Structure formats: structure tokens, C-alpha cells
Amino acid sequence: MNIKSNKGMFLEEIINRTILYYSSKNIAYFEKRNIPFKILKMINEKTFVGLLFSKSTVDYTGIYKNTHYEFEAKQTELETFNFKNIKSHQFEYLEKVSKYSNSFCFLIIYMVKYEKFYLVDFSKIIKYIELNKTHIINIDQLKKYGYELEIIFPGILNLIEVLNKINS
């Protein structure tokens, strides 16, 4: 198995379990966005040839307590995270959406080495980059600028608890 092909799968699985749990309990609705592609040729049931017809925006979208959410999930095996790992069109998208009044944009960053998840408000990312003149953030700075997410219940992040804290 190619390990690089599964990079980020743990984080995605945790987030997908989390959003499914909140949806099944009618607490909040979030969904993973589909990649915009067109199937050109089916080879068999599991194999096809396709064409990506536009750039994707971000990984997830949703609604909770009359607020619209957009977020991207990233992970790093390094001791730092580089915000340049966010594609430029995704960065621009988050910047645009975050300007609307009932919208909240953020990143969920999984620091593999520390086995820690952080939610970082996109507006704080912009301020961090401007203030520090760098796109690189370490775990101590993530603790300062972000919110640690914890795994509660089997494989569920305490996302709603943190969103309530941020929006109170």
C-alpha cells in the first residue's frame, strides 16, 4: 500500500465520523464536498477515466445555529504547519466567504507527531501571517491562535463544543 496515497485519510475519517454523528443527532449539518469531475469512460465498476472540470473550493461546508461554516482539513507530520499548504484558490475562497456576516471559516489541522487537532479561525490565520511575516506555525502558536479539538465518544471530535465557545 502506498502510504502517501492515504495521507490525510485518518483526519478525514475522524471529521467524517464527527459530521455524521452531529447530523444523525440533528445537532448540526455538515457535509464533505465532492470533487468536481466528469466521468469520461467506465472501465469497470470501480475504475473509470475522468476529467476534473473545475478547482474544488474547500473540503467541508455546513450550518449550525444559523451560521454558515466552510472549512479545510490539513495534516502535517512535521513539527510545524505551513499555511502555503492551502492551495491559493482555497485561500482566496475562504477569504471571500469569511467576509460575510453569518459565515465562519476555519482550518482543522492535525499535528501527527503530537496527535493533536486544532481548529484555527481563518481570520486569525490572516492576522498571524501579517503579524509574523511567515506562513509557518508551530504547536505553541497553534495553542495560542487556535482551539484544541479533542476526541470524545468513539472517534468524534468535540467540534460543536469548540464552535459554541468561539461564537459565545
N, C-alpha and C. Protein backbone atom coordinates (compact mmCIF):
# COMPACT_ATOMS: atom_id res chain seq x y z
N MET A 1 0.84 -1.18 0.00
CA MET A 1 0.00 0.00 0.00
C MET A 1 0.88 1.24 0.00
N ASN A 2 0.52 2.22 -0.81
CA ASN A 2 1.24 3.47 -0.90
C ASN A 2 0.79 4.39 0.23
N ILE A 3 1.68 4.66 1.18
CA ILE A 3 1.33 5.48 2.35
C ILE A 3 0.97 6.89 1.93
N LYS A 4 1.68 7.46 0.96
CA LYS A 4 1.39 8.83 0.55
C LYS A 4 -0.02 8.96 -0.01
N SER A 5 -0.55 7.91 -0.63
CA SER A 5 -1.90 7.99 -1.18
C SER A 5 -2.95 8.07 -0.09
N ASN A 6 -2.61 7.66 1.13
CA ASN A 6 -3.56 7.72 2.25
C ASN A 6 -3.28 8.87 3.19
N LYS A 7 -2.39 9.77 2.79
CA LYS A 7 -2.07 10.91 3.64
C LYS A 7 -3.34 11.72 3.87
N GLY A 8 -3.64 11.97 5.11
CA GLY A 8 -4.83 12.74 5.44
C GLY A 8 -6.07 11.91 5.65
N MET A 9 -6.00 10.61 5.38
CA MET A 9 -7.18 9.76 5.50
C MET A 9 -7.65 9.61 6.95
N PHE A 10 -6.73 9.58 7.90
CA PHE A 10 -7.12 9.48 9.30
C PHE A 10 -7.92 10.72 9.70
N LEU A 11 -7.39 11.88 9.37
CA LEU A 11 -8.08 13.13 9.69
C LEU A 11 -9.45 13.17 9.01
N GLU A 12 -9.49 12.82 7.75
CA GLU A 12 -10.77 12.83 7.02
C GLU A 12 -11.77 11.85 7.65
N GLU A 13 -11.31 10.69 8.04
CA GLU A 13 -12.20 9.70 8.67
C GLU A 13 -12.76 10.23 9.98
N ILE A 14 -11.93 10.85 10.80
CA ILE A 14 -12.39 11.43 12.08
C ILE A 14 -13.42 12.53 11.81
N ILE A 15 -13.13 13.41 10.87
CA ILE A 15 -14.08 14.50 10.57
C ILE A 15 -15.38 13.93 10.01
N ASN A 16 -15.28 12.97 9.11
CA ASN A 16 -16.50 12.38 8.53
C ASN A 16 -17.35 11.71 9.60
N ARG A 17 -16.73 11.02 10.54
CA ARG A 17 -17.48 10.42 11.66
C ARG A 17 -18.15 11.49 12.51
N THR A 18 -17.41 12.56 12.73
CA THR A 18 -17.91 13.67 13.54
C THR A 18 -19.15 14.30 12.90
N ILE A 19 -19.06 14.61 11.62
CA ILE A 19 -20.19 15.28 10.98
C ILE A 19 -21.38 14.34 10.82
N LEU A 20 -21.13 13.07 10.63
CA LEU A 20 -22.22 12.09 10.57
C LEU A 20 -22.92 11.99 11.93
N TYR A 21 -22.15 11.98 13.00
CA TYR A 21 -22.72 11.93 14.35
C TYR A 21 -23.61 13.15 14.61
N TYR A 22 -23.08 14.36 14.35
CA TYR A 22 -23.87 15.57 14.61
C TYR A 22 -25.12 15.63 13.73
N SER A 23 -25.01 15.15 12.51
CA SER A 23 -26.17 15.13 11.62
C SER A 23 -27.21 14.12 12.10
N SER A 24 -26.77 12.94 12.50
CA SER A 24 -27.71 11.89 12.95
C SER A 24 -28.45 12.29 14.22
N LYS A 25 -27.85 13.16 15.02
CA LYS A 25 -28.47 13.65 16.26
C LYS A 25 -29.21 14.97 16.04
N ASN A 26 -29.28 15.43 14.77
CA ASN A 26 -29.92 16.70 14.42
C ASN A 26 -29.35 17.89 15.20
N ILE A 27 -28.05 17.85 15.41
CA ILE A 27 -27.37 18.93 16.12
C ILE A 27 -26.88 19.99 15.13
N ALA A 28 -26.29 19.53 14.04
CA ALA A 28 -25.73 20.42 13.02
C ALA A 28 -25.66 19.64 11.71
N TYR A 29 -25.57 20.36 10.61
CA TYR A 29 -25.42 19.70 9.32
C TYR A 29 -24.13 20.19 8.66
N PHE A 30 -23.23 19.25 8.43
CA PHE A 30 -22.00 19.50 7.68
C PHE A 30 -21.90 18.42 6.63
N GLU A 31 -21.24 18.74 5.52
CA GLU A 31 -21.01 17.72 4.50
C GLU A 31 -19.65 17.88 3.87
N LYS A 32 -19.12 16.77 3.44
CA LYS A 32 -17.86 16.76 2.69
C LYS A 32 -18.22 17.10 1.25
N ARG A 33 -17.51 18.03 0.69
CA ARG A 33 -17.76 18.41 -0.70
C ARG A 33 -17.21 17.35 -1.65
N ASN A 34 -17.90 17.15 -2.72
CA ASN A 34 -17.43 16.24 -3.76
C ASN A 34 -16.44 16.96 -4.67
N ILE A 35 -15.54 16.20 -5.23
CA ILE A 35 -14.58 16.74 -6.18
C ILE A 35 -15.31 16.91 -7.52
N PRO A 36 -15.22 18.09 -8.13
CA PRO A 36 -15.95 18.34 -9.38
C PRO A 36 -15.28 17.68 -10.59
N PHE A 37 -15.75 16.50 -10.93
CA PHE A 37 -15.18 15.82 -12.09
C PHE A 37 -16.28 15.19 -12.93
N LYS A 38 -15.93 14.90 -14.15
CA LYS A 38 -16.86 14.29 -15.10
C LYS A 38 -16.27 12.95 -15.52
N ILE A 39 -17.09 11.91 -15.45
CA ILE A 39 -16.65 10.58 -15.88
C ILE A 39 -16.67 10.55 -17.41
N LEU A 40 -15.54 10.21 -18.00
CA LEU A 40 -15.44 10.13 -19.45
C LEU A 40 -15.62 8.71 -19.96
N LYS A 41 -15.12 7.74 -19.17
CA LYS A 41 -15.18 6.36 -19.64
C LYS A 41 -15.16 5.42 -18.43
N MET A 42 -16.11 4.49 -18.40
CA MET A 42 -16.14 3.48 -17.35
C MET A 42 -15.33 2.27 -17.84
N ILE A 43 -14.37 1.85 -17.06
CA ILE A 43 -13.59 0.67 -17.39
C ILE A 43 -14.23 -0.56 -16.75
N ASN A 44 -14.60 -0.44 -15.48
CA ASN A 44 -15.40 -1.44 -14.77
C ASN A 44 -16.10 -0.72 -13.61
N GLU A 45 -16.71 -1.47 -12.70
CA GLU A 45 -17.48 -0.84 -11.61
C GLU A 45 -16.65 0.10 -10.73
N LYS A 46 -15.38 -0.20 -10.57
CA LYS A 46 -14.55 0.58 -9.66
C LYS A 46 -13.50 1.43 -10.35
N THR A 47 -13.38 1.32 -11.65
CA THR A 47 -12.34 2.03 -12.38
C THR A 47 -12.96 2.84 -13.51
N PHE A 48 -12.51 4.08 -13.61
CA PHE A 48 -13.02 4.94 -14.67
C PHE A 48 -11.96 5.97 -15.03
N VAL A 49 -12.18 6.61 -16.16
CA VAL A 49 -11.34 7.72 -16.60
C VAL A 49 -12.19 8.96 -16.44
N GLY A 50 -11.62 9.99 -15.79
CA GLY A 50 -12.40 11.19 -15.55
C GLY A 50 -11.60 12.44 -15.80
N LEU A 51 -12.32 13.55 -15.80
CA LEU A 51 -11.73 14.84 -16.04
C LEU A 51 -12.17 15.80 -14.94
N LEU A 52 -11.21 16.41 -14.28
CA LEU A 52 -11.51 17.42 -13.28
C LEU A 52 -11.93 18.67 -14.05
N PHE A 53 -13.19 19.13 -13.87
CA PHE A 53 -13.64 20.24 -14.69
C PHE A 53 -13.60 21.60 -13.99
N SER A 54 -13.29 21.64 -12.71
CA SER A 54 -13.06 22.92 -12.05
C SER A 54 -12.29 22.66 -10.76
N LYS A 55 -11.70 23.71 -10.23
CA LYS A 55 -10.98 23.59 -8.97
C LYS A 55 -12.01 23.44 -7.86
N SER A 56 -11.71 22.62 -6.89
CA SER A 56 -12.61 22.48 -5.75
C SER A 56 -12.43 23.69 -4.84
N THR A 57 -13.39 23.91 -3.97
CA THR A 57 -13.27 25.03 -3.03
C THR A 57 -12.56 24.51 -1.79
N VAL A 58 -13.31 24.14 -0.77
CA VAL A 58 -12.73 23.58 0.44
C VAL A 58 -13.39 22.24 0.73
N ASP A 59 -12.83 21.53 1.71
CA ASP A 59 -13.28 20.17 1.99
C ASP A 59 -14.71 20.07 2.51
N TYR A 60 -15.10 21.00 3.40
CA TYR A 60 -16.37 20.85 4.11
C TYR A 60 -17.16 22.14 4.15
N THR A 61 -18.47 21.99 4.21
CA THR A 61 -19.40 23.10 4.37
C THR A 61 -20.51 22.66 5.33
N GLY A 62 -21.17 23.62 5.93
CA GLY A 62 -22.26 23.23 6.82
C GLY A 62 -22.96 24.40 7.46
N ILE A 63 -23.91 24.05 8.33
CA ILE A 63 -24.71 25.04 9.04
C ILE A 63 -24.92 24.58 10.48
N TYR A 64 -24.80 25.52 11.39
CA TYR A 64 -25.05 25.25 12.80
C TYR A 64 -25.48 26.55 13.46
N LYS A 65 -26.60 26.53 14.15
CA LYS A 65 -27.13 27.71 14.85
C LYS A 65 -27.12 28.95 13.97
N ASN A 66 -27.71 28.85 12.80
CA ASN A 66 -27.85 29.98 11.87
C ASN A 66 -26.54 30.57 11.37
N THR A 67 -25.47 29.83 11.50
CA THR A 67 -24.19 30.27 10.96
C THR A 67 -23.73 29.28 9.90
N HIS A 68 -23.24 29.83 8.80
CA HIS A 68 -22.72 29.03 7.70
C HIS A 68 -21.23 28.81 7.93
N TYR A 69 -20.79 27.56 7.78
CA TYR A 69 -19.39 27.21 8.02
C TYR A 69 -18.75 26.66 6.76
N GLU A 70 -17.50 27.01 6.56
CA GLU A 70 -16.66 26.47 5.49
C GLU A 70 -15.32 26.14 6.13
N PHE A 71 -14.83 24.93 5.86
CA PHE A 71 -13.51 24.63 6.42
C PHE A 71 -12.75 23.62 5.59
N GLU A 72 -11.46 23.70 5.77
CA GLU A 72 -10.50 22.84 5.10
C GLU A 72 -9.80 22.02 6.18
N ALA A 73 -9.48 20.78 5.87
CA ALA A 73 -8.78 19.90 6.81
C ALA A 73 -7.39 19.61 6.25
N LYS A 74 -6.39 19.79 7.08
CA LYS A 74 -5.00 19.54 6.68
C LYS A 74 -4.27 18.84 7.82
N GLN A 75 -3.26 18.08 7.45
CA GLN A 75 -2.43 17.47 8.47
C GLN A 75 -0.97 17.60 8.08
N THR A 76 -0.12 17.51 9.09
CA THR A 76 1.31 17.54 8.85
C THR A 76 2.00 16.55 9.78
N GLU A 77 3.06 15.98 9.27
CA GLU A 77 3.88 15.08 10.09
C GLU A 77 5.09 15.83 10.64
N LEU A 78 5.21 17.09 10.27
CA LEU A 78 6.31 17.94 10.74
C LEU A 78 5.96 18.54 12.09
N GLU A 79 6.91 19.25 12.67
CA GLU A 79 6.66 19.95 13.93
C GLU A 79 5.96 21.28 13.71
N THR A 80 5.82 21.67 12.46
CA THR A 80 5.16 22.93 12.10
C THR A 80 4.15 22.67 10.98
N PHE A 81 3.28 23.64 10.78
CA PHE A 81 2.35 23.59 9.65
C PHE A 81 2.59 24.84 8.82
N ASN A 82 2.63 24.66 7.50
CA ASN A 82 2.84 25.78 6.59
C ASN A 82 1.50 26.12 5.93
N PHE A 83 1.02 27.35 6.15
CA PHE A 83 -0.25 27.76 5.55
C PHE A 83 -0.19 27.79 4.03
N LYS A 84 1.00 27.72 3.46
CA LYS A 84 1.13 27.62 2.00
C LYS A 84 0.66 26.26 1.50
N ASN A 85 0.38 25.32 2.43
CA ASN A 85 -0.19 24.03 2.04
C ASN A 85 -1.66 24.16 1.65
N ILE A 86 -2.22 25.31 1.91
CA ILE A 86 -3.58 25.60 1.44
C ILE A 86 -3.43 26.15 0.03
N LYS A 87 -4.09 25.53 -0.92
CA LYS A 87 -3.98 25.99 -2.31
C LYS A 87 -4.48 27.43 -2.42
N SER A 88 -3.88 28.18 -3.32
CA SER A 88 -4.21 29.61 -3.43
C SER A 88 -5.69 29.85 -3.69
N HIS A 89 -6.33 29.03 -4.54
CA HIS A 89 -7.76 29.25 -4.80
C HIS A 89 -8.61 28.93 -3.57
N GLN A 90 -8.14 28.00 -2.72
CA GLN A 90 -8.85 27.70 -1.48
C GLN A 90 -8.68 28.85 -0.48
N PHE A 91 -7.48 29.38 -0.40
CA PHE A 91 -7.19 30.51 0.48
C PHE A 91 -8.08 31.70 0.09
N GLU A 92 -8.14 32.00 -1.21
CA GLU A 92 -8.96 33.11 -1.70
C GLU A 92 -10.45 32.85 -1.41
N TYR A 93 -10.88 31.62 -1.58
CA TYR A 93 -12.28 31.27 -1.31
C TYR A 93 -12.62 31.51 0.16
N LEU A 94 -11.78 31.02 1.07
CA LEU A 94 -12.01 31.22 2.50
C LEU A 94 -12.00 32.70 2.86
N GLU A 95 -11.12 33.45 2.23
CA GLU A 95 -11.03 34.88 2.47
C GLU A 95 -12.32 35.58 2.05
N LYS A 96 -12.86 35.22 0.89
CA LYS A 96 -14.11 35.82 0.40
C LYS A 96 -15.28 35.47 1.30
N VAL A 97 -15.44 34.19 1.59
CA VAL A 97 -16.60 33.73 2.36
C VAL A 97 -16.56 34.28 3.79
N SER A 98 -15.38 34.40 4.36
CA SER A 98 -15.27 34.86 5.75
C SER A 98 -15.73 36.30 5.93
N LYS A 99 -15.86 37.05 4.85
CA LYS A 99 -16.28 38.45 4.93
C LYS A 99 -17.80 38.60 5.10
N TYR A 100 -18.55 37.53 4.88
CA TYR A 100 -20.00 37.60 5.03
C TYR A 100 -20.38 37.44 6.49
N SER A 101 -21.43 38.17 6.90
CA SER A 101 -21.75 38.23 8.31
C SER A 101 -22.13 36.90 8.93
N ASN A 102 -22.86 36.06 8.42
CA ASN A 102 -23.20 34.81 9.12
C ASN A 102 -22.36 33.63 8.63
N SER A 103 -21.11 33.90 8.32
CA SER A 103 -20.20 32.85 7.87
C SER A 103 -18.99 32.77 8.79
N PHE A 104 -18.51 31.57 8.97
CA PHE A 104 -17.32 31.35 9.78
C PHE A 104 -16.45 30.34 9.04
N CYS A 105 -15.22 30.72 8.75
CA CYS A 105 -14.30 29.85 8.02
C CYS A 105 -13.13 29.49 8.92
N PHE A 106 -12.68 28.25 8.77
CA PHE A 106 -11.58 27.80 9.62
C PHE A 106 -10.85 26.64 8.99
N LEU A 107 -9.73 26.29 9.62
CA LEU A 107 -8.97 25.09 9.26
C LEU A 107 -9.02 24.15 10.45
N ILE A 108 -9.04 22.86 10.15
CA ILE A 108 -8.74 21.87 11.17
C ILE A 108 -7.38 21.31 10.78
N ILE A 109 -6.43 21.45 11.68
CA ILE A 109 -5.06 21.00 11.43
C ILE A 109 -4.77 19.85 12.39
N TYR A 110 -4.33 18.74 11.82
CA TYR A 110 -3.92 17.60 12.65
C TYR A 110 -2.41 17.53 12.65
N MET A 111 -1.83 17.65 13.84
CA MET A 111 -0.38 17.56 14.02
C MET A 111 -0.08 16.10 14.39
N VAL A 112 0.32 15.32 13.41
CA VAL A 112 0.51 13.88 13.58
C VAL A 112 1.49 13.56 14.69
N LYS A 113 2.61 14.27 14.70
CA LYS A 113 3.67 14.00 15.69
C LYS A 113 3.16 14.13 17.13
N TYR A 114 2.26 15.08 17.34
CA TYR A 114 1.74 15.34 18.69
C TYR A 114 0.38 14.69 18.93
N GLU A 115 -0.19 14.11 17.87
CA GLU A 115 -1.53 13.52 17.93
C GLU A 115 -2.53 14.54 18.46
N LYS A 116 -2.46 15.77 17.93
CA LYS A 116 -3.32 16.87 18.36
C LYS A 116 -4.04 17.47 17.16
N PHE A 117 -5.30 17.85 17.39
CA PHE A 117 -6.14 18.51 16.39
C PHE A 117 -6.36 19.95 16.84
N TYR A 118 -6.28 20.89 15.89
CA TYR A 118 -6.53 22.30 16.20
C TYR A 118 -7.50 22.89 15.19
N LEU A 119 -8.42 23.69 15.69
CA LEU A 119 -9.31 24.47 14.84
C LEU A 119 -8.76 25.89 14.88
N VAL A 120 -8.49 26.46 13.70
CA VAL A 120 -7.95 27.82 13.63
C VAL A 120 -8.87 28.66 12.75
N ASP A 121 -9.42 29.70 13.35
CA ASP A 121 -10.28 30.67 12.68
C ASP A 121 -9.48 31.28 11.51
N PHE A 122 -10.08 31.32 10.33
CA PHE A 122 -9.38 31.82 9.16
C PHE A 122 -8.94 33.27 9.33
N SER A 123 -9.75 34.10 9.98
CA SER A 123 -9.36 35.50 10.17
C SER A 123 -8.11 35.59 11.05
N LYS A 124 -7.95 34.66 11.99
CA LYS A 124 -6.75 34.64 12.82
C LYS A 124 -5.53 34.19 12.03
N ILE A 125 -5.76 33.34 11.03
CA ILE A 125 -4.65 32.91 10.16
C ILE A 125 -4.12 34.12 9.39
N ILE A 126 -5.03 34.91 8.84
CA ILE A 126 -4.63 36.11 8.09
C ILE A 126 -3.84 37.05 9.01
N LYS A 127 -4.34 37.29 10.21
CA LYS A 127 -3.66 38.18 11.16
C LYS A 127 -2.30 37.61 11.55
N TYR A 128 -2.24 36.30 11.76
CA TYR A 128 -0.98 35.65 12.13
C TYR A 128 0.07 35.86 11.04
N ILE A 129 -0.32 35.63 9.79
CA ILE A 129 0.62 35.78 8.66
C ILE A 129 1.09 37.22 8.56
N GLU A 130 0.15 38.17 8.67
CA GLU A 130 0.51 39.59 8.58
C GLU A 130 1.42 40.02 9.73
N LEU A 131 1.09 39.60 10.92
CA LEU A 131 1.85 39.99 12.12
C LEU A 131 3.24 39.37 12.16
N ASN A 132 3.32 38.08 11.84
CA ASN A 132 4.58 37.35 11.97
C ASN A 132 5.41 37.27 10.69
N LYS A 133 4.84 37.74 9.58
CA LYS A 133 5.55 37.73 8.28
C LYS A 133 6.04 36.33 7.91
N THR A 134 5.25 35.32 8.27
CA THR A 134 5.57 33.93 7.93
C THR A 134 4.28 33.15 7.74
N HIS A 135 4.38 32.09 6.98
CA HIS A 135 3.25 31.17 6.78
C HIS A 135 3.39 29.92 7.63
N ILE A 136 4.45 29.86 8.42
CA ILE A 136 4.73 28.65 9.21
C ILE A 136 4.32 28.88 10.66
N ILE A 137 3.60 27.90 11.21
CA ILE A 137 3.14 28.00 12.59
C ILE A 137 3.54 26.72 13.33
N ASN A 138 3.96 26.88 14.58
CA ASN A 138 4.34 25.70 15.36
C ASN A 138 3.22 25.37 16.36
N ILE A 139 3.40 24.32 17.10
CA ILE A 139 2.35 23.85 18.01
C ILE A 139 2.05 24.86 19.12
N ASP A 140 3.06 25.55 19.63
CA ASP A 140 2.82 26.55 20.67
C ASP A 140 1.97 27.71 20.13
N GLN A 141 2.24 28.10 18.90
CA GLN A 141 1.46 29.16 18.28
C GLN A 141 0.04 28.68 17.94
N LEU A 142 -0.09 27.40 17.57
CA LEU A 142 -1.43 26.85 17.32
C LEU A 142 -2.26 26.89 18.61
N LYS A 143 -1.62 26.60 19.73
CA LYS A 143 -2.31 26.66 21.03
C LYS A 143 -2.78 28.09 21.32
N LYS A 144 -1.97 29.07 20.90
CA LYS A 144 -2.29 30.47 21.15
C LYS A 144 -3.37 30.99 20.19
N TYR A 145 -3.26 30.66 18.90
CA TYR A 145 -4.15 31.20 17.88
C TYR A 145 -5.36 30.32 17.59
N GLY A 146 -5.30 29.07 18.02
CA GLY A 146 -6.36 28.14 17.69
C GLY A 146 -7.01 27.54 18.92
N TYR A 147 -7.83 26.55 18.68
CA TYR A 147 -8.54 25.83 19.74
C TYR A 147 -8.24 24.35 19.56
N GLU A 148 -7.82 23.71 20.62
CA GLU A 148 -7.56 22.28 20.53
C GLU A 148 -8.89 21.53 20.47
N LEU A 149 -8.98 20.62 19.54
CA LEU A 149 -10.12 19.73 19.43
C LEU A 149 -9.73 18.41 20.07
N GLU A 150 -10.65 17.82 20.80
CA GLU A 150 -10.36 16.54 21.44
C GLU A 150 -11.29 15.48 20.89
N ILE A 151 -10.81 14.25 20.93
CA ILE A 151 -11.66 13.13 20.53
C ILE A 151 -12.51 12.76 21.73
N ILE A 152 -13.80 12.86 21.53
CA ILE A 152 -14.77 12.45 22.53
C ILE A 152 -15.55 11.30 21.92
N PHE A 153 -16.26 10.58 22.68
CA PHE A 153 -17.04 9.49 22.11
C PHE A 153 -16.11 8.70 21.21
N PRO A 154 -16.48 7.59 20.68
CA PRO A 154 -15.53 6.86 19.83
C PRO A 154 -15.31 7.54 18.47
N GLY A 155 -14.18 8.20 18.34
CA GLY A 155 -13.80 8.78 17.05
C GLY A 155 -14.55 10.02 16.64
N ILE A 156 -15.05 10.79 17.61
CA ILE A 156 -15.80 12.01 17.31
C ILE A 156 -15.06 13.20 17.93
N LEU A 157 -14.86 14.26 17.14
CA LEU A 157 -14.23 15.47 17.66
C LEU A 157 -15.27 16.34 18.37
N ASN A 158 -14.85 17.07 19.38
CA ASN A 158 -15.74 17.97 20.10
C ASN A 158 -15.92 19.29 19.34
N LEU A 159 -16.20 19.21 18.07
CA LEU A 159 -16.31 20.37 17.19
C LEU A 159 -17.40 21.34 17.66
N ILE A 160 -18.57 20.84 17.98
CA ILE A 160 -19.67 21.72 18.39
C ILE A 160 -19.34 22.45 19.68
N GLU A 161 -18.73 21.77 20.61
CA GLU A 161 -18.32 22.41 21.86
C GLU A 161 -17.38 23.58 21.59
N VAL A 162 -16.43 23.39 20.68
CA VAL A 162 -15.48 24.45 20.35
C VAL A 162 -16.16 25.58 19.57
N LEU A 163 -17.05 25.23 18.63
CA LEU A 163 -17.77 26.27 17.89
C LEU A 163 -18.64 27.10 18.85
N ASN A 164 -19.25 26.46 19.82
CA ASN A 164 -20.03 27.21 20.82
C ASN A 164 -19.15 28.16 21.61
N LYS A 165 -17.95 27.71 21.95
CA LYS A 165 -17.01 28.55 22.72
C LYS A 165 -16.59 29.77 21.87
N ILE A 166 -16.31 29.54 20.61
CA ILE A 166 -15.87 30.61 19.72
C ILE A 166 -16.98 31.64 19.51
N ASN A 167 -18.20 31.16 19.32
CA ASN A 167 -19.31 32.04 18.96
C ASN A 167 -20.12 32.53 20.15
N SER A 168 -19.60 32.36 21.36
CA SER A 168 -20.38 32.82 22.53
C SER A 168 -20.04 34.25 22.89
